[in-house]
Amino acid sequence: MAEKFFFCLKHHAVEGKDGCKAADRLGPYATRAEAEHALEHVEERNEAWEHDPNWNDEEPRE
């Protein structure tokens, strides 16, 4: 089985499977590099969802 990597939100560090509890981390990621950029990916997805008309049922803000 290939090694998996996680990004710990508590320590802002990449961890292996035996790191912090699942509620405190993002992943799994296939590579250490992907885990290192986890917060950037989260920000990109949040931005995309915020502007997706299929998921945004609020009235447009002025």
PDB file of N, CA and C in Angstrom:
ATOM      1  N   MET A   1       0.848  -1.186   0.000  1.00  0.00           N
ATOM      2  CA  MET A   1       0.000   0.000   0.000  1.00  0.00           C
ATOM      3  C   MET A   1       0.893   1.248   0.000  1.00  0.00           C
ATOM      4  N   ALA A   2       0.564   2.201  -0.830  1.00  0.00           N
ATOM      5  CA  ALA A   2       1.346   3.431  -0.945  1.00  0.00           C
ATOM      6  C   ALA A   2       1.161   4.300   0.293  1.00  0.00           C
ATOM      7  N   GLU A   3       2.203   5.007   0.646  1.00  0.00           N
ATOM      8  CA  GLU A   3       2.143   5.900   1.794  1.00  0.00           C
ATOM      9  C   GLU A   3       1.196   7.062   1.488  1.00  0.00           C
ATOM     10  N   LYS A   4       0.431   7.477   2.478  1.00  0.00           N
ATOM     11  CA  LYS A   4      -0.487   8.602   2.352  1.00  0.00           C
ATOM     12  C   LYS A   4       0.011   9.731   3.227  1.00  0.00           C
ATOM     13  N   PHE A   5      -0.268  10.955   2.821  1.00  0.00           N
ATOM     14  CA  PHE A   5       0.155  12.136   3.563  1.00  0.00           C
ATOM     15  C   PHE A   5      -1.053  12.973   3.941  1.00  0.00           C
ATOM     16  N   PHE A   6      -0.955  13.666   5.049  1.00  0.00           N
ATOM     17  CA  PHE A   6      -2.027  14.506   5.569  1.00  0.00           C
ATOM     18  C   PHE A   6      -1.451  15.855   5.956  1.00  0.00           C
ATOM     19  N   PHE A   7      -2.296  16.903   5.917  1.00  0.00           N
ATOM     20  CA  PHE A   7      -1.884  18.224   6.385  1.00  0.00           C
ATOM     21  C   PHE A   7      -2.584  18.475   7.709  1.00  0.00           C
ATOM     22  N   CYS A   8      -1.810  18.674   8.762  1.00  0.00           N
ATOM     23  CA  CYS A   8      -2.353  18.907  10.087  1.00  0.00           C
ATOM     24  C   CYS A   8      -2.708  20.385  10.248  1.00  0.00           C
ATOM     25  N   LEU A   9      -3.978  20.650  10.527  1.00  0.00           N
ATOM     26  CA  LEU A   9      -4.444  22.028  10.705  1.00  0.00           C
ATOM     27  C   LEU A   9      -3.992  22.595  12.053  1.00  0.00           C
ATOM     28  N   LYS A  10      -3.714  21.746  12.988  1.00  0.00           N
ATOM     29  CA  LYS A  10      -3.287  22.155  14.327  1.00  0.00           C
ATOM     30  C   LYS A  10      -1.821  22.601  14.325  1.00  0.00           C
ATOM     31  N   HIS A  11      -0.977  21.849  13.628  1.00  0.00           N
ATOM     32  CA  HIS A  11       0.463  22.117  13.624  1.00  0.00           C
ATOM     33  C   HIS A  11       0.972  22.734  12.318  1.00  0.00           C
ATOM     34  N   HIS A  12       0.091  22.853  11.327  1.00  0.00           N
ATOM     35  CA  HIS A  12       0.465  23.359   9.995  1.00  0.00           C
ATOM     36  C   HIS A  12       1.693  22.634   9.468  1.00  0.00           C
ATOM     37  N   ALA A  13       1.582  21.296   9.490  1.00  0.00           N
ATOM     38  CA  ALA A  13       2.681  20.452   9.034  1.00  0.00           C
ATOM     39  C   ALA A  13       2.131  19.217   8.335  1.00  0.00           C
ATOM     40  N   VAL A  14       2.959  18.640   7.472  1.00  0.00           N
ATOM     41  CA  VAL A  14       2.599  17.399   6.794  1.00  0.00           C
ATOM     42  C   VAL A  14       2.893  16.237   7.734  1.00  0.00           C
ATOM     43  N   GLU A  15       1.950  15.291   7.780  1.00  0.00           N
ATOM     44  CA  GLU A  15       2.090  14.128   8.655  1.00  0.00           C
ATOM     45  C   GLU A  15       1.806  12.854   7.873  1.00  0.00           C
ATOM     46  N   GLY A  16       2.235  11.757   8.440  1.00  0.00           N
ATOM     47  CA  GLY A  16       1.904  10.445   7.905  1.00  0.00           C
ATOM     48  C   GLY A  16       0.614   9.952   8.537  1.00  0.00           C
ATOM     49  N   LYS A  17       0.300   8.679   8.325  1.00  0.00           N
ATOM     50  CA  LYS A  17      -0.969   8.127   8.807  1.00  0.00           C
ATOM     51  C   LYS A  17      -1.085   8.123  10.323  1.00  0.00           C
ATOM     52  N   ASP A  18       0.007   8.146  11.036  1.00  0.00           N
ATOM     53  CA  ASP A  18      -0.021   8.096  12.496  1.00  0.00           C
ATOM     54  C   ASP A  18       0.060   9.482  13.133  1.00  0.00           C
ATOM     55  N   GLY A  19      -0.344  10.505  12.416  1.00  0.00           N
ATOM     56  CA  GLY A  19      -0.302  11.872  12.927  1.00  0.00           C
ATOM     57  C   GLY A  19      -1.481  12.183  13.825  1.00  0.00           C
ATOM     58  N   CYS A  20      -1.870  13.420  13.849  1.00  0.00           N
ATOM     59  CA  CYS A  20      -2.972  13.894  14.682  1.00  0.00           C
ATOM     60  C   CYS A  20      -4.293  13.254  14.274  1.00  0.00           C
ATOM     61  N   LYS A  21      -5.310  13.464  15.101  1.00  0.00           N
ATOM     62  CA  LYS A  21      -6.624  12.869  14.825  1.00  0.00           C
ATOM     63  C   LYS A  21      -7.214  13.435  13.527  1.00  0.00           C
ATOM     64  N   ALA A  22      -8.086  12.665  12.916  1.00  0.00           N
ATOM     65  CA  ALA A  22      -8.655  13.013  11.615  1.00  0.00           C
ATOM     66  C   ALA A  22      -9.361  14.366  11.613  1.00  0.00           C
ATOM     67  N   ALA A  23      -9.983  14.746  12.708  1.00  0.00           N
ATOM     68  CA  ALA A  23     -10.704  16.015  12.770  1.00  0.00           C
ATOM     69  C   ALA A  23      -9.767  17.217  12.657  1.00  0.00           C
ATOM     70  N   ASP A  24      -8.474  17.008  12.878  1.00  0.00           N
ATOM     71  CA  ASP A  24      -7.508  18.103  12.845  1.00  0.00           C
ATOM     72  C   ASP A  24      -6.654  18.118  11.589  1.00  0.00           C
ATOM     73  N   ARG A  25      -7.030  17.337  10.574  1.00  0.00           N
ATOM     74  CA  ARG A  25      -6.177  17.304   9.394  1.00  0.00           C
ATOM     75  C   ARG A  25      -6.961  17.130   8.095  1.00  0.00           C
ATOM     76  N   LEU A  26      -6.296  17.448   7.001  1.00  0.00           N
ATOM     77  CA  LEU A  26      -6.854  17.314   5.651  1.00  0.00           C
ATOM     78  C   LEU A  26      -6.138  16.175   4.952  1.00  0.00           C
ATOM     79  N   GLY A  27      -6.850  15.498   4.072  1.00  0.00           N
ATOM     80  CA  GLY A  27      -6.222  14.435   3.302  1.00  0.00           C
ATOM     81  C   GLY A  27      -7.052  13.178   3.352  1.00  0.00           C
ATOM     82  N   PRO A  28      -6.547  12.139   2.808  1.00  0.00           N
ATOM     83  CA  PRO A  28      -5.146  11.880   2.471  1.00  0.00           C
ATOM     84  C   PRO A  28      -4.763  12.405   1.086  1.00  0.00           C
ATOM     85  N   TYR A  29      -3.488  12.650   0.944  1.00  0.00           N
ATOM     86  CA  TYR A  29      -2.898  13.074  -0.321  1.00  0.00           C
ATOM     87  C   TYR A  29      -1.881  12.023  -0.753  1.00  0.00           C
ATOM     88  N   ALA A  30      -1.710  11.868  -2.037  1.00  0.00           N
ATOM     89  CA  ALA A  30      -0.814  10.843  -2.582  1.00  0.00           C
ATOM     90  C   ALA A  30       0.658  11.199  -2.396  1.00  0.00           C
ATOM     91  N   THR A  31       0.965  12.498  -2.366  1.00  0.00           N
ATOM     92  CA  THR A  31       2.364  12.917  -2.237  1.00  0.00           C
ATOM     93  C   THR A  31       2.512  13.965  -1.144  1.00  0.00           C
ATOM     94  N   ARG A  32       3.719  14.078  -0.651  1.00  0.00           N
ATOM     95  CA  ARG A  32       4.032  15.090   0.352  1.00  0.00           C
ATOM     96  C   ARG A  32       3.792  16.491  -0.217  1.00  0.00           C
ATOM     97  N   ALA A  33       4.143  16.697  -1.485  1.00  0.00           N
ATOM     98  CA  ALA A  33       3.971  18.015  -2.117  1.00  0.00           C
ATOM     99  C   ALA A  33       2.496  18.417  -2.159  1.00  0.00           C
ATOM    100  N   GLU A  34       1.612  17.473  -2.478  1.00  0.00           N
ATOM    101  CA  GLU A  34       0.177  17.781  -2.485  1.00  0.00           C
ATOM    102  C   GLU A  34      -0.289  18.186  -1.093  1.00  0.00           C
ATOM    103  N   ALA A  35       0.162  17.475  -0.075  1.00  0.00           N
ATOM    104  CA  ALA A  35      -0.219  17.792   1.300  1.00  0.00           C
ATOM    105  C   ALA A  35       0.313  19.158   1.726  1.00  0.00           C
ATOM    106  N   GLU A  36       1.519  19.502   1.284  1.00  0.00           N
ATOM    107  CA  GLU A  36       2.109  20.799   1.634  1.00  0.00           C
ATOM    108  C   GLU A  36       1.281  21.958   1.093  1.00  0.00           C
ATOM    109  N   HIS A  37       0.563  21.732  -0.004  1.00  0.00           N
ATOM    110  CA  HIS A  37      -0.236  22.781  -0.636  1.00  0.00           C
ATOM    111  C   HIS A  37      -1.733  22.634  -0.356  1.00  0.00           C
ATOM    112  N   ALA A  38      -2.075  21.904   0.680  1.00  0.00           N
ATOM    113  CA  ALA A  38      -3.478  21.618   0.995  1.00  0.00           C
ATOM    114  C   ALA A  38      -4.294  22.886   1.210  1.00  0.00           C
ATOM    115  N   LEU A  39      -3.771  23.841   1.949  1.00  0.00           N
ATOM    116  CA  LEU A  39      -4.540  25.058   2.233  1.00  0.00           C
ATOM    117  C   LEU A  39      -4.773  25.887   0.976  1.00  0.00           C
ATOM    118  N   GLU A  40      -3.833  25.868   0.060  1.00  0.00           N
ATOM    119  CA  GLU A  40      -4.018  26.574  -1.211  1.00  0.00           C
ATOM    120  C   GLU A  40      -5.163  25.940  -2.002  1.00  0.00           C
ATOM    121  N   HIS A  41      -5.219  24.614  -2.006  1.00  0.00           N
ATOM    122  CA  HIS A  41      -6.293  23.912  -2.713  1.00  0.00           C
ATOM    123  C   HIS A  41      -7.651  24.198  -2.078  1.00  0.00           C
ATOM    124  N   VAL A  42      -7.686  24.248  -0.776  1.00  0.00           N
ATOM    125  CA  VAL A  42      -8.932  24.562  -0.072  1.00  0.00           C
ATOM    126  C   VAL A  42      -9.406  25.958  -0.460  1.00  0.00           C
ATOM    127  N   GLU A  43      -8.502  26.911  -0.474  1.00  0.00           N
ATOM    128  CA  GLU A  43      -8.854  28.285  -0.839  1.00  0.00           C
ATOM    129  C   GLU A  43      -9.377  28.364  -2.268  1.00  0.00           C
ATOM    130  N   GLU A  44      -8.733  27.654  -3.190  1.00  0.00           N
ATOM    131  CA  GLU A  44      -9.175  27.645  -4.588  1.00  0.00           C
ATOM    132  C   GLU A  44     -10.573  27.041  -4.721  1.00  0.00           C
ATOM    133  N   ARG A  45     -10.830  25.928  -4.037  1.00  0.00           N
ATOM    134  CA  ARG A  45     -12.151  25.296  -4.106  1.00  0.00           C
ATOM    135  C   ARG A  45     -13.214  26.176  -3.487  1.00  0.00           C
ATOM    136  N   ASN A  46     -12.909  26.797  -2.356  1.00  0.00           N
ATOM    137  CA  ASN A  46     -13.887  27.672  -1.709  1.00  0.00           C
ATOM    138  C   ASN A  46     -14.249  28.842  -2.615  1.00  0.00           C
ATOM    139  N   GLU A  47     -13.269  29.393  -3.278  1.00  0.00           N
ATOM    140  CA  GLU A  47     -13.507  30.508  -4.205  1.00  0.00           C
ATOM    141  C   GLU A  47     -14.393  30.051  -5.368  1.00  0.00           C
ATOM    142  N   ALA A  48     -14.108  28.872  -5.906  1.00  0.00           N
ATOM    143  CA  ALA A  48     -14.907  28.352  -7.019  1.00  0.00           C
ATOM    144  C   ALA A  48     -16.345  28.091  -6.577  1.00  0.00           C
ATOM    145  N   TRP A  49     -16.530  27.501  -5.410  1.00  0.00           N
ATOM    146  CA  TRP A  49     -17.879  27.209  -4.920  1.00  0.00           C
ATOM    147  C   TRP A  49     -18.654  28.488  -4.632  1.00  0.00           C
ATOM    148  N   GLU A  50     -17.949  29.487  -4.147  1.00  0.00           N
ATOM    149  CA  GLU A  50     -18.609  30.753  -3.822  1.00  0.00           C
ATOM    150  C   GLU A  50     -19.215  31.402  -5.059  1.00  0.00           C
ATOM    151  N   HIS A  51     -18.617  31.146  -6.224  1.00  0.00           N
ATOM    152  CA  HIS A  51     -19.087  31.753  -7.469  1.00  0.00           C
ATOM    153  C   HIS A  51     -19.812  30.772  -8.387  1.00  0.00           C
ATOM    154  N   ASP A  52     -20.151  29.602  -7.871  1.00  0.00           N
ATOM    155  CA  ASP A  52     -20.844  28.587  -8.664  1.00  0.00           C
ATOM    156  C   ASP A  52     -22.352  28.773  -8.488  1.00  0.00           C
ATOM    157  N   PRO A  53     -23.077  29.140  -9.549  1.00  0.00           N
ATOM    158  CA  PRO A  53     -24.516  29.381  -9.418  1.00  0.00           C
ATOM    159  C   PRO A  53     -25.308  28.131  -9.037  1.00  0.00           C
ATOM    160  N   ASN A  54     -24.766  26.958  -9.278  1.00  0.00           N
ATOM    161  CA  ASN A  54     -25.455  25.727  -8.892  1.00  0.00           C
ATOM    162  C   ASN A  54     -25.413  25.482  -7.389  1.00  0.00           C
ATOM    163  N   TRP A  55     -24.471  26.112  -6.687  1.00  0.00           N
ATOM    164  CA  TRP A  55     -24.337  25.901  -5.246  1.00  0.00           C
ATOM    165  C   TRP A  55     -24.595  27.172  -4.455  1.00  0.00           C
ATOM    166  N   ASN A  56     -24.897  28.243  -5.107  1.00  0.00           N
ATOM    167  CA  ASN A  56     -25.093  29.515  -4.430  1.00  0.00           C
ATOM    168  C   ASN A  56     -26.544  29.918  -4.570  1.00  0.00           C
ATOM    169  N   ASP A  57     -27.307  29.711  -3.502  1.00  0.00           N
ATOM    170  CA  ASP A  57     -28.731  30.038  -3.572  1.00  0.00           C
ATOM    171  C   ASP A  57     -29.073  31.327  -2.804  1.00  0.00           C
ATOM    172  N   GLU A  58     -28.058  32.083  -2.452  1.00  0.00           N
ATOM    173  CA  GLU A  58     -28.277  33.380  -1.807  1.00  0.00           C
ATOM    174  C   GLU A  58     -28.459  34.445  -2.876  1.00  0.00           C
ATOM    175  N   GLU A  59     -29.086  35.519  -2.488  1.00  0.00           N
ATOM    176  CA  GLU A  59     -29.212  36.648  -3.383  1.00  0.00           C
ATOM    177  C   GLU A  59     -27.835  37.273  -3.607  1.00  0.00           C
ATOM    178  N   PRO A  60     -27.585  37.799  -4.793  1.00  0.00           N
ATOM    179  CA  PRO A  60     -26.289  38.453  -5.042  1.00  0.00           C
ATOM    180  C   PRO A  60     -26.062  39.608  -4.080  1.00  0.00           C
ATOM    181  N   ARG A  61     -24.824  39.720  -3.631  1.00  0.00           N
ATOM    182  CA  ARG A  61     -24.469  40.807  -2.716  1.00  0.00           C
ATOM    183  C   ARG A  61     -24.126  42.048  -3.507  1.00  0.00           C
ATOM    184  N   GLU A  62     -24.462  43.187  -2.963  1.00  0.00           N
ATOM    185  CA  GLU A  62     -24.165  44.458  -3.649  1.00  0.00           C
ATOM    186  C   GLU A  62     -22.888  45.048  -3.147  1.00  0.00           C
TER     187      GLU A  62
END
